[in-house]
Amino acid sequence: MSQAGIINTTSGGSPPNVPTSFVTDSGTAVPAANILNVFTAESAANFDNGIHDTGSGNTITISLTNRQTGLLTTTDASVQTIITFPLGATPGVYLFDGTVQAYDITDVAGGAYNYATGIRTDGATGTILGTEFKDVFEDLAMSAADFNANVSGNNLIIQVQGLAGKTLHWNAFLSYRFVS
């Protein structure tokens, strides 16, 4: 013997409220055919809390801000720029910190580095405040490789120096705070 249940569709709780728009820091997104696209991104834009969201059409983009990355391969001992960060036209002070990693695929060796530096800009020219602070962790085979945080005009530049006859893969990251 089987039993069939009857579902009462005239009583019970109300269905949940479904949002019809999503207000962001910059714009509003409205689902289209009940679809809302949500994307993530990285940005060098300056937002004090390090995150910013934008809405347009049926899309929201959530960005990690105040950051920049760079990738580079070196095959000699020349100095090359891996990150160029424009300081902008607003006078103020930046505090940068970041990491640089290098992997020597020729000798299977590596290096990992932390850095911090302060830079003041008058809106046209950047000036390093004091000297950069850096930690160096590397295999002996990497001891001649190096990196530096410098200023060129009104830009912060992160430069790396590879090794003669060696192929190094570099990865650099910076984050910053700014006050004007």
N, C-alpha and C. Protein backbone atom coordinates (compact mmCIF):
# COMPACT_ATOMS: atom_id res chain seq x y z
N MET A 1 0.83 -1.15 0.00
CA MET A 1 0.00 0.00 0.00
C MET A 1 0.89 1.23 0.00
N SER A 2 0.59 2.21 -0.84
CA SER A 2 1.38 3.43 -0.89
C SER A 2 0.55 4.58 -0.37
N GLN A 3 1.28 5.55 0.08
CA GLN A 3 0.60 6.74 0.57
C GLN A 3 1.13 7.93 -0.22
N ALA A 4 0.28 8.80 -0.61
CA ALA A 4 0.66 9.99 -1.33
C ALA A 4 0.37 11.19 -0.45
N GLY A 5 1.34 12.08 -0.35
CA GLY A 5 1.12 13.29 0.44
C GLY A 5 0.64 14.40 -0.46
N ILE A 6 -0.14 15.24 0.09
CA ILE A 6 -0.63 16.39 -0.65
C ILE A 6 0.06 17.62 -0.09
N ILE A 7 0.64 18.42 -0.97
CA ILE A 7 1.31 19.64 -0.55
C ILE A 7 0.33 20.79 -0.66
N ASN A 8 0.16 21.48 0.43
CA ASN A 8 -0.74 22.61 0.47
C ASN A 8 0.01 23.83 -0.05
N THR A 9 -0.41 24.34 -1.17
CA THR A 9 0.27 25.50 -1.76
C THR A 9 -0.39 26.81 -1.39
N THR A 10 -1.40 26.77 -0.57
CA THR A 10 -2.10 28.01 -0.20
C THR A 10 -1.70 28.50 1.17
N SER A 11 -0.88 27.76 1.90
CA SER A 11 -0.47 28.22 3.22
C SER A 11 1.04 28.10 3.33
N GLY A 12 1.58 28.58 4.40
CA GLY A 12 3.02 28.53 4.62
C GLY A 12 3.62 29.90 4.52
N GLY A 13 4.93 29.94 4.67
CA GLY A 13 5.64 31.21 4.66
C GLY A 13 5.77 31.80 3.27
N SER A 14 6.10 33.05 3.25
CA SER A 14 6.32 33.75 1.98
C SER A 14 7.66 33.35 1.41
N PRO A 15 7.79 33.37 0.10
CA PRO A 15 9.12 33.10 -0.48
C PRO A 15 10.09 34.21 -0.07
N PRO A 16 11.39 33.92 -0.07
CA PRO A 16 12.35 34.94 0.35
C PRO A 16 12.36 36.12 -0.64
N ASN A 17 12.73 37.27 -0.11
CA ASN A 17 12.89 38.44 -0.97
C ASN A 17 14.19 38.30 -1.76
N VAL A 18 14.12 38.52 -3.02
CA VAL A 18 15.29 38.43 -3.89
C VAL A 18 15.71 39.85 -4.26
N PRO A 19 16.99 40.19 -4.04
CA PRO A 19 17.43 41.54 -4.39
C PRO A 19 17.25 41.82 -5.88
N THR A 20 16.89 43.03 -6.19
CA THR A 20 16.71 43.41 -7.59
C THR A 20 17.81 44.34 -8.07
N SER A 21 18.66 44.83 -7.15
CA SER A 21 19.80 45.65 -7.53
C SER A 21 20.85 45.56 -6.43
N PHE A 22 22.10 45.79 -6.81
CA PHE A 22 23.22 45.72 -5.88
C PHE A 22 24.02 47.00 -6.01
N VAL A 23 24.01 47.80 -4.95
CA VAL A 23 24.71 49.08 -4.95
C VAL A 23 26.16 48.83 -4.53
N THR A 24 27.10 49.37 -5.30
CA THR A 24 28.52 49.20 -5.02
C THR A 24 29.15 50.56 -4.72
N ASP A 25 30.47 50.57 -4.47
CA ASP A 25 31.18 51.83 -4.25
C ASP A 25 31.05 52.76 -5.44
N SER A 26 30.92 52.18 -6.62
CA SER A 26 30.88 52.96 -7.84
C SER A 26 29.89 52.32 -8.81
N GLY A 27 28.63 52.70 -8.74
CA GLY A 27 27.63 52.19 -9.66
C GLY A 27 26.73 51.13 -9.03
N THR A 28 25.72 50.74 -9.76
CA THR A 28 24.75 49.74 -9.32
C THR A 28 24.63 48.66 -10.38
N ALA A 29 24.60 47.41 -9.95
CA ALA A 29 24.42 46.29 -10.86
C ALA A 29 23.01 45.74 -10.68
N VAL A 30 22.38 45.38 -11.79
CA VAL A 30 21.03 44.83 -11.78
C VAL A 30 21.07 43.48 -12.49
N PRO A 31 20.65 42.40 -11.82
CA PRO A 31 20.66 41.09 -12.49
C PRO A 31 19.83 41.13 -13.78
N ALA A 32 20.32 40.41 -14.78
CA ALA A 32 19.59 40.26 -16.05
C ALA A 32 19.19 38.79 -16.17
N ALA A 33 17.91 38.53 -16.29
CA ALA A 33 17.39 37.15 -16.34
C ALA A 33 17.86 36.37 -15.11
N ASN A 34 17.84 37.05 -13.96
CA ASN A 34 18.26 36.47 -12.67
C ASN A 34 19.74 36.08 -12.64
N ILE A 35 20.55 36.67 -13.49
CA ILE A 35 21.99 36.38 -13.51
C ILE A 35 22.76 37.64 -13.14
N LEU A 36 23.64 37.50 -12.14
CA LEU A 36 24.53 38.58 -11.73
C LEU A 36 25.96 38.05 -11.85
N ASN A 37 26.78 38.68 -12.67
CA ASN A 37 28.18 38.28 -12.82
C ASN A 37 28.99 38.98 -11.74
N VAL A 38 29.84 38.23 -11.04
CA VAL A 38 30.72 38.79 -10.01
C VAL A 38 32.15 38.39 -10.38
N PHE A 39 33.00 39.39 -10.60
CA PHE A 39 34.38 39.16 -10.98
C PHE A 39 35.32 39.76 -9.95
N THR A 40 36.56 39.31 -9.95
CA THR A 40 37.60 39.88 -9.10
C THR A 40 38.71 40.44 -9.98
N ALA A 41 39.46 41.38 -9.43
CA ALA A 41 40.55 42.02 -10.18
C ALA A 41 41.58 42.57 -9.21
N GLU A 42 42.73 42.96 -9.75
CA GLU A 42 43.74 43.70 -9.00
C GLU A 42 43.88 45.06 -9.64
N SER A 43 44.23 46.06 -8.82
CA SER A 43 44.32 47.41 -9.33
C SER A 43 45.38 48.20 -8.55
N ALA A 44 46.06 49.08 -9.25
CA ALA A 44 47.00 49.98 -8.60
C ALA A 44 46.29 51.22 -8.06
N ALA A 45 44.98 51.35 -8.30
CA ALA A 45 44.22 52.51 -7.84
C ALA A 45 44.31 52.64 -6.32
N ASN A 46 44.28 53.88 -5.83
CA ASN A 46 44.44 54.15 -4.40
C ASN A 46 43.09 54.20 -3.69
N PHE A 47 42.80 53.18 -2.91
CA PHE A 47 41.66 53.16 -1.99
C PHE A 47 42.21 52.74 -0.65
N ASP A 48 41.99 53.56 0.37
CA ASP A 48 42.66 53.40 1.65
C ASP A 48 42.49 52.02 2.28
N ASN A 49 41.34 51.38 2.08
CA ASN A 49 41.16 50.07 2.71
C ASN A 49 41.62 48.92 1.83
N GLY A 50 42.12 49.20 0.62
CA GLY A 50 42.68 48.18 -0.23
C GLY A 50 41.68 47.34 -1.02
N ILE A 51 40.42 47.77 -1.04
CA ILE A 51 39.42 47.04 -1.80
C ILE A 51 38.41 48.03 -2.35
N HIS A 52 37.89 47.75 -3.54
CA HIS A 52 36.93 48.64 -4.17
C HIS A 52 36.03 47.80 -5.07
N ASP A 53 34.74 48.10 -5.06
CA ASP A 53 33.84 47.36 -5.94
C ASP A 53 33.10 48.32 -6.86
N THR A 54 32.82 47.82 -8.06
CA THR A 54 32.09 48.61 -9.05
C THR A 54 30.94 47.77 -9.59
N GLY A 55 29.87 48.45 -9.97
CA GLY A 55 28.73 47.78 -10.55
C GLY A 55 28.30 48.47 -11.82
N SER A 56 27.99 47.66 -12.84
CA SER A 56 27.52 48.20 -14.11
C SER A 56 26.79 47.08 -14.83
N GLY A 57 25.64 47.40 -15.40
CA GLY A 57 24.86 46.37 -16.08
C GLY A 57 24.50 45.27 -15.09
N ASN A 58 24.81 44.02 -15.42
CA ASN A 58 24.56 42.93 -14.48
C ASN A 58 25.88 42.36 -13.94
N THR A 59 26.89 43.24 -13.80
CA THR A 59 28.21 42.81 -13.38
C THR A 59 28.71 43.62 -12.19
N ILE A 60 29.27 42.92 -11.22
CA ILE A 60 29.98 43.53 -10.10
C ILE A 60 31.43 43.08 -10.19
N THR A 61 32.37 44.02 -10.05
CA THR A 61 33.78 43.68 -10.01
C THR A 61 34.33 44.11 -8.66
N ILE A 62 34.93 43.18 -7.95
CA ILE A 62 35.55 43.45 -6.64
C ILE A 62 37.05 43.46 -6.86
N SER A 63 37.68 44.60 -6.60
CA SER A 63 39.11 44.76 -6.88
C SER A 63 39.92 44.89 -5.60
N LEU A 64 41.03 44.14 -5.53
CA LEU A 64 42.04 44.40 -4.53
C LEU A 64 42.86 45.56 -5.07
N THR A 65 42.99 46.62 -4.30
CA THR A 65 43.63 47.83 -4.80
C THR A 65 44.96 48.07 -4.10
N ASN A 66 45.60 49.16 -4.46
CA ASN A 66 46.87 49.58 -3.86
C ASN A 66 47.94 48.51 -4.05
N ARG A 67 48.01 47.92 -5.24
CA ARG A 67 48.95 46.83 -5.49
C ARG A 67 49.32 46.77 -6.96
N GLN A 68 50.46 46.17 -7.23
CA GLN A 68 50.90 45.96 -8.61
C GLN A 68 51.84 44.75 -8.62
N THR A 69 51.83 44.01 -9.72
CA THR A 69 52.70 42.85 -9.86
C THR A 69 53.47 42.92 -11.17
N GLY A 70 54.53 42.15 -11.26
CA GLY A 70 55.30 42.08 -12.49
C GLY A 70 56.00 40.74 -12.63
N LEU A 71 56.16 40.29 -13.85
CA LEU A 71 56.88 39.06 -14.17
C LEU A 71 57.95 39.39 -15.20
N LEU A 72 59.09 38.71 -15.12
CA LEU A 72 60.19 38.98 -16.03
C LEU A 72 61.12 37.77 -16.07
N THR A 73 61.76 37.55 -17.20
CA THR A 73 62.80 36.53 -17.32
C THR A 73 64.09 37.23 -17.72
N THR A 74 65.19 36.92 -17.02
CA THR A 74 66.50 37.47 -17.37
C THR A 74 67.41 36.33 -17.80
N THR A 75 68.33 36.65 -18.70
CA THR A 75 69.30 35.65 -19.17
C THR A 75 70.74 36.16 -19.08
N ASP A 76 70.91 37.33 -18.46
CA ASP A 76 72.25 37.90 -18.30
C ASP A 76 72.28 38.73 -17.02
N ALA A 77 73.37 39.44 -16.80
CA ALA A 77 73.53 40.21 -15.56
C ALA A 77 73.12 41.67 -15.70
N SER A 78 72.39 42.01 -16.75
CA SER A 78 71.96 43.40 -16.91
C SER A 78 70.82 43.71 -15.92
N VAL A 79 70.67 44.99 -15.63
CA VAL A 79 69.60 45.46 -14.75
C VAL A 79 68.37 45.73 -15.62
N GLN A 80 67.23 45.18 -15.20
CA GLN A 80 65.98 45.35 -15.95
C GLN A 80 64.86 45.75 -15.00
N THR A 81 63.92 46.52 -15.51
CA THR A 81 62.79 46.99 -14.71
C THR A 81 61.66 45.98 -14.79
N ILE A 82 61.19 45.54 -13.63
CA ILE A 82 60.09 44.58 -13.55
C ILE A 82 58.76 45.26 -13.22
N ILE A 83 58.82 46.39 -12.47
CA ILE A 83 57.61 47.16 -12.14
C ILE A 83 57.93 48.64 -12.28
N THR A 84 57.05 49.38 -12.94
CA THR A 84 57.08 50.84 -12.97
C THR A 84 55.77 51.32 -12.38
N PHE A 85 55.84 52.10 -11.31
CA PHE A 85 54.65 52.60 -10.64
C PHE A 85 54.63 54.13 -10.71
N PRO A 86 53.71 54.73 -11.47
CA PRO A 86 53.63 56.19 -11.55
C PRO A 86 53.15 56.79 -10.23
N LEU A 87 53.85 57.78 -9.73
CA LEU A 87 53.51 58.40 -8.45
C LEU A 87 52.38 59.41 -8.56
N GLY A 88 52.05 59.86 -9.74
CA GLY A 88 50.90 60.74 -9.93
C GLY A 88 51.21 62.21 -9.69
N ALA A 89 50.19 63.04 -9.96
CA ALA A 89 50.35 64.50 -9.90
C ALA A 89 50.03 65.09 -8.54
N THR A 90 49.52 64.29 -7.61
CA THR A 90 49.17 64.81 -6.28
C THR A 90 50.37 64.70 -5.35
N PRO A 91 50.84 65.82 -4.79
CA PRO A 91 51.96 65.75 -3.84
C PRO A 91 51.57 64.94 -2.61
N GLY A 92 52.51 64.14 -2.12
CA GLY A 92 52.25 63.33 -0.93
C GLY A 92 53.37 62.34 -0.69
N VAL A 93 53.10 61.41 0.23
CA VAL A 93 54.10 60.42 0.62
C VAL A 93 53.52 59.02 0.47
N TYR A 94 54.31 58.15 -0.12
CA TYR A 94 53.97 56.73 -0.28
C TYR A 94 54.84 55.89 0.65
N LEU A 95 54.25 54.84 1.18
CA LEU A 95 55.02 53.78 1.83
C LEU A 95 54.76 52.52 1.02
N PHE A 96 55.82 51.99 0.43
CA PHE A 96 55.72 50.79 -0.38
C PHE A 96 56.32 49.62 0.39
N ASP A 97 55.71 48.47 0.26
CA ASP A 97 56.35 47.23 0.70
C ASP A 97 56.01 46.15 -0.31
N GLY A 98 56.86 45.14 -0.35
CA GLY A 98 56.61 44.11 -1.34
C GLY A 98 57.59 42.97 -1.25
N THR A 99 57.47 42.11 -2.25
CA THR A 99 58.32 40.93 -2.34
C THR A 99 58.82 40.77 -3.77
N VAL A 100 59.97 40.13 -3.88
CA VAL A 100 60.53 39.76 -5.17
C VAL A 100 61.04 38.33 -5.00
N GLN A 101 60.73 37.48 -5.98
CA GLN A 101 61.24 36.12 -5.97
C GLN A 101 61.95 35.87 -7.29
N ALA A 102 62.98 35.03 -7.22
CA ALA A 102 63.70 34.65 -8.44
C ALA A 102 63.99 33.16 -8.38
N TYR A 103 63.83 32.51 -9.54
CA TYR A 103 64.15 31.09 -9.65
C TYR A 103 65.11 30.91 -10.81
N ASP A 104 66.28 30.37 -10.51
CA ASP A 104 67.32 30.12 -11.50
C ASP A 104 67.09 28.71 -12.07
N ILE A 105 66.50 28.64 -13.27
CA ILE A 105 66.19 27.33 -13.84
C ILE A 105 67.46 26.64 -14.35
N THR A 106 68.53 27.38 -14.55
CA THR A 106 69.79 26.80 -15.01
C THR A 106 70.44 25.99 -13.90
N ASP A 107 70.50 26.53 -12.70
CA ASP A 107 71.18 25.87 -11.57
C ASP A 107 70.22 25.32 -10.52
N VAL A 108 68.92 25.45 -10.75
CA VAL A 108 67.91 25.04 -9.77
C VAL A 108 68.22 25.70 -8.42
N ALA A 109 68.24 27.03 -8.44
CA ALA A 109 68.52 27.81 -7.24
C ALA A 109 67.47 28.91 -7.14
N GLY A 110 67.36 29.50 -5.97
CA GLY A 110 66.34 30.53 -5.80
C GLY A 110 66.72 31.61 -4.82
N GLY A 111 65.94 32.68 -4.91
CA GLY A 111 66.08 33.80 -3.98
C GLY A 111 64.70 34.38 -3.68
N ALA A 112 64.53 34.83 -2.45
CA ALA A 112 63.28 35.46 -2.03
C ALA A 112 63.65 36.70 -1.23
N TYR A 113 62.96 37.81 -1.51
CA TYR A 113 63.35 39.09 -0.95
C TYR A 113 62.11 39.87 -0.50
N ASN A 114 62.21 40.56 0.62
CA ASN A 114 61.20 41.52 1.09
C ASN A 114 61.81 42.90 1.02
N TYR A 115 60.97 43.92 0.82
CA TYR A 115 61.49 45.28 0.84
C TYR A 115 60.43 46.25 1.36
N ALA A 116 60.91 47.39 1.81
CA ALA A 116 60.05 48.51 2.20
C ALA A 116 60.81 49.78 1.87
N THR A 117 60.08 50.77 1.36
CA THR A 117 60.70 52.06 1.05
C THR A 117 59.66 53.16 1.12
N GLY A 118 60.08 54.35 1.48
CA GLY A 118 59.21 55.52 1.50
C GLY A 118 59.62 56.48 0.41
N ILE A 119 58.60 57.06 -0.26
CA ILE A 119 58.88 58.00 -1.35
C ILE A 119 57.94 59.20 -1.23
N ARG A 120 58.52 60.39 -1.34
CA ARG A 120 57.74 61.63 -1.37
C ARG A 120 57.71 62.12 -2.80
N THR A 121 56.55 62.60 -3.22
CA THR A 121 56.46 63.21 -4.55
C THR A 121 55.90 64.62 -4.41
N ASP A 122 56.40 65.52 -5.23
CA ASP A 122 55.83 66.87 -5.29
C ASP A 122 54.82 66.96 -6.44
N GLY A 123 54.52 65.82 -7.03
CA GLY A 123 53.61 65.75 -8.17
C GLY A 123 54.33 65.73 -9.50
N ALA A 124 55.65 66.00 -9.47
CA ALA A 124 56.43 66.00 -10.70
C ALA A 124 57.70 65.15 -10.57
N THR A 125 58.24 65.07 -9.34
CA THR A 125 59.49 64.35 -9.09
C THR A 125 59.37 63.56 -7.80
N GLY A 126 59.79 62.31 -7.84
CA GLY A 126 59.80 61.48 -6.64
C GLY A 126 61.15 61.53 -5.96
N THR A 127 61.14 61.44 -4.61
CA THR A 127 62.36 61.44 -3.82
C THR A 127 62.27 60.30 -2.81
N ILE A 128 63.29 59.43 -2.80
CA ILE A 128 63.33 58.35 -1.81
C ILE A 128 63.65 58.94 -0.45
N LEU A 129 62.89 58.52 0.55
CA LEU A 129 63.09 58.97 1.93
C LEU A 129 64.00 57.96 2.63
N GLY A 130 65.23 58.35 2.90
CA GLY A 130 66.17 57.43 3.52
C GLY A 130 66.60 56.36 2.54
N THR A 131 66.85 55.16 3.05
CA THR A 131 67.25 54.05 2.19
C THR A 131 66.21 52.94 2.29
N GLU A 132 66.14 52.15 1.23
CA GLU A 132 65.20 51.03 1.25
C GLU A 132 65.65 50.01 2.29
N PHE A 133 64.70 49.30 2.83
CA PHE A 133 64.96 48.22 3.76
C PHE A 133 64.67 46.93 3.01
N LYS A 134 65.58 45.97 3.05
CA LYS A 134 65.29 44.72 2.38
C LYS A 134 65.88 43.54 3.13
N ASP A 135 65.17 42.42 3.03
CA ASP A 135 65.62 41.13 3.55
C ASP A 135 66.00 40.27 2.36
N VAL A 136 67.08 39.52 2.50
CA VAL A 136 67.57 38.69 1.41
C VAL A 136 67.65 37.25 1.89
N PHE A 137 66.97 36.37 1.17
CA PHE A 137 67.02 34.94 1.43
C PHE A 137 67.35 34.27 0.10
N GLU A 138 68.56 33.66 -0.01
CA GLU A 138 68.92 33.11 -1.31
C GLU A 138 69.92 31.97 -1.18
N ASP A 139 69.88 31.09 -2.21
CA ASP A 139 70.91 30.07 -2.35
C ASP A 139 72.23 30.75 -2.71
N LEU A 140 73.34 30.10 -2.40
CA LEU A 140 74.65 30.66 -2.71
C LEU A 140 74.80 30.98 -4.19
N ALA A 141 74.21 30.16 -5.06
CA ALA A 141 74.30 30.38 -6.51
C ALA A 141 73.61 31.68 -6.93
N MET A 142 72.78 32.25 -6.06
CA MET A 142 72.04 33.49 -6.38
C MET A 142 72.69 34.73 -5.77
N SER A 143 73.82 34.60 -5.13
CA SER A 143 74.39 35.72 -4.37
C SER A 143 74.74 36.94 -5.22
N ALA A 144 74.98 36.78 -6.51
CA ALA A 144 75.27 37.92 -7.37
C ALA A 144 74.01 38.54 -7.97
N ALA A 145 72.86 37.87 -7.84
CA ALA A 145 71.59 38.45 -8.32
C ALA A 145 71.15 39.50 -7.31
N ASP A 146 70.35 40.46 -7.76
CA ASP A 146 69.93 41.53 -6.85
C ASP A 146 68.66 42.19 -7.36
N PHE A 147 68.08 43.02 -6.52
CA PHE A 147 66.95 43.85 -6.91
C PHE A 147 67.06 45.16 -6.13
N ASN A 148 66.42 46.20 -6.63
CA ASN A 148 66.41 47.50 -5.96
C ASN A 148 65.11 48.22 -6.23
N ALA A 149 64.70 49.02 -5.27
CA ALA A 149 63.59 49.96 -5.45
C ALA A 149 64.22 51.33 -5.64
N ASN A 150 63.95 51.97 -6.77
CA ASN A 150 64.53 53.27 -7.11
C ASN A 150 63.44 54.23 -7.56
N VAL A 151 63.84 55.48 -7.76
CA VAL A 151 62.95 56.48 -8.34
C VAL A 151 63.56 56.93 -9.65
N SER A 152 62.71 57.03 -10.66
CA SER A 152 63.12 57.59 -11.94
C SER A 152 62.05 58.62 -12.32
N GLY A 153 62.43 59.90 -12.32
CA GLY A 153 61.45 60.95 -12.57
C GLY A 153 60.40 60.93 -11.47
N ASN A 154 59.15 60.70 -11.85
CA ASN A 154 58.06 60.63 -10.87
C ASN A 154 57.47 59.21 -10.84
N ASN A 155 58.37 58.23 -10.94
CA ASN A 155 57.97 56.83 -10.90
C ASN A 155 58.82 56.06 -9.91
N LEU A 156 58.17 55.14 -9.19
CA LEU A 156 58.91 54.12 -8.46
C LEU A 156 59.22 53.03 -9.47
N ILE A 157 60.45 52.56 -9.49
CA ILE A 157 60.79 51.44 -10.35
C ILE A 157 61.43 50.34 -9.50
N ILE A 158 60.96 49.14 -9.72
CA ILE A 158 61.57 47.96 -9.10
C ILE A 158 62.40 47.31 -10.19
N GLN A 159 63.70 47.18 -9.93
CA GLN A 159 64.62 46.63 -10.91
C GLN A 159 65.27 45.37 -10.37
N VAL A 160 65.54 44.44 -11.28
CA VAL A 160 66.21 43.20 -10.91
C VAL A 160 67.48 43.06 -11.73
N GLN A 161 68.46 42.36 -11.17
CA GLN A 161 69.70 42.07 -11.89
C GLN A 161 69.89 40.56 -11.90
N GLY A 162 69.89 40.01 -13.09
CA GLY A 162 70.05 38.56 -13.24
C GLY A 162 71.49 38.14 -13.13
N LEU A 163 71.76 36.94 -13.63
CA LEU A 163 73.10 36.36 -13.59
C LEU A 163 73.56 36.04 -15.01
N ALA A 164 74.82 36.31 -15.30
CA ALA A 164 75.37 36.04 -16.63
C ALA A 164 75.25 34.56 -16.96
N GLY A 165 74.69 34.27 -18.14
CA GLY A 165 74.59 32.90 -18.61
C GLY A 165 73.55 32.04 -17.90
N LYS A 166 72.71 32.65 -17.08
CA LYS A 166 71.69 31.92 -16.33
C LYS A 166 70.31 32.46 -16.68
N THR A 167 69.33 31.57 -16.73
CA THR A 167 67.95 31.98 -16.98
C THR A 167 67.22 32.04 -15.64
N LEU A 168 66.78 33.25 -15.27
CA LEU A 168 66.06 33.46 -14.02
C LEU A 168 64.65 33.93 -14.32
N HIS A 169 63.69 33.34 -13.66
CA HIS A 169 62.30 33.80 -13.72
C HIS A 169 62.05 34.62 -12.46
N TRP A 170 61.54 35.85 -12.66
CA TRP A 170 61.31 36.79 -11.57
C TRP A 170 59.82 37.05 -11.41
N ASN A 171 59.40 37.26 -10.17
CA ASN A 171 58.02 37.62 -9.85
C ASN A 171 58.10 38.70 -8.77
N ALA A 172 57.46 39.84 -9.01
CA ALA A 172 57.52 40.94 -8.06
C ALA A 172 56.11 41.41 -7.69
N PHE A 173 55.96 41.86 -6.47
CA PHE A 173 54.69 42.35 -5.95
C PHE A 173 54.96 43.58 -5.10
N LEU A 174 54.10 44.58 -5.20
CA LEU A 174 54.18 45.72 -4.29
C LEU A 174 52.79 46.10 -3.83
N SER A 175 52.73 46.63 -2.64
CA SER A 175 51.51 47.25 -2.13
C SER A 175 51.93 48.59 -1.53
N TYR A 176 50.96 49.48 -1.38
CA TYR A 176 51.33 50.81 -0.90
C TYR A 176 50.20 51.45 -0.11
N ARG A 177 50.61 52.45 0.66
CA ARG A 177 49.70 53.39 1.32
C ARG A 177 50.14 54.78 0.88
N PHE A 178 49.19 55.71 0.80
CA PHE A 178 49.48 57.05 0.31
C PHE A 178 48.75 58.08 1.17
N VAL A 179 49.44 59.17 1.47
CA VAL A 179 48.82 60.30 2.17
C VAL A 179 49.24 61.58 1.46
N SER A 180 48.27 62.51 1.33
CA SER A 180 48.59 63.80 0.69
C SER A 180 48.12 64.92 1.58
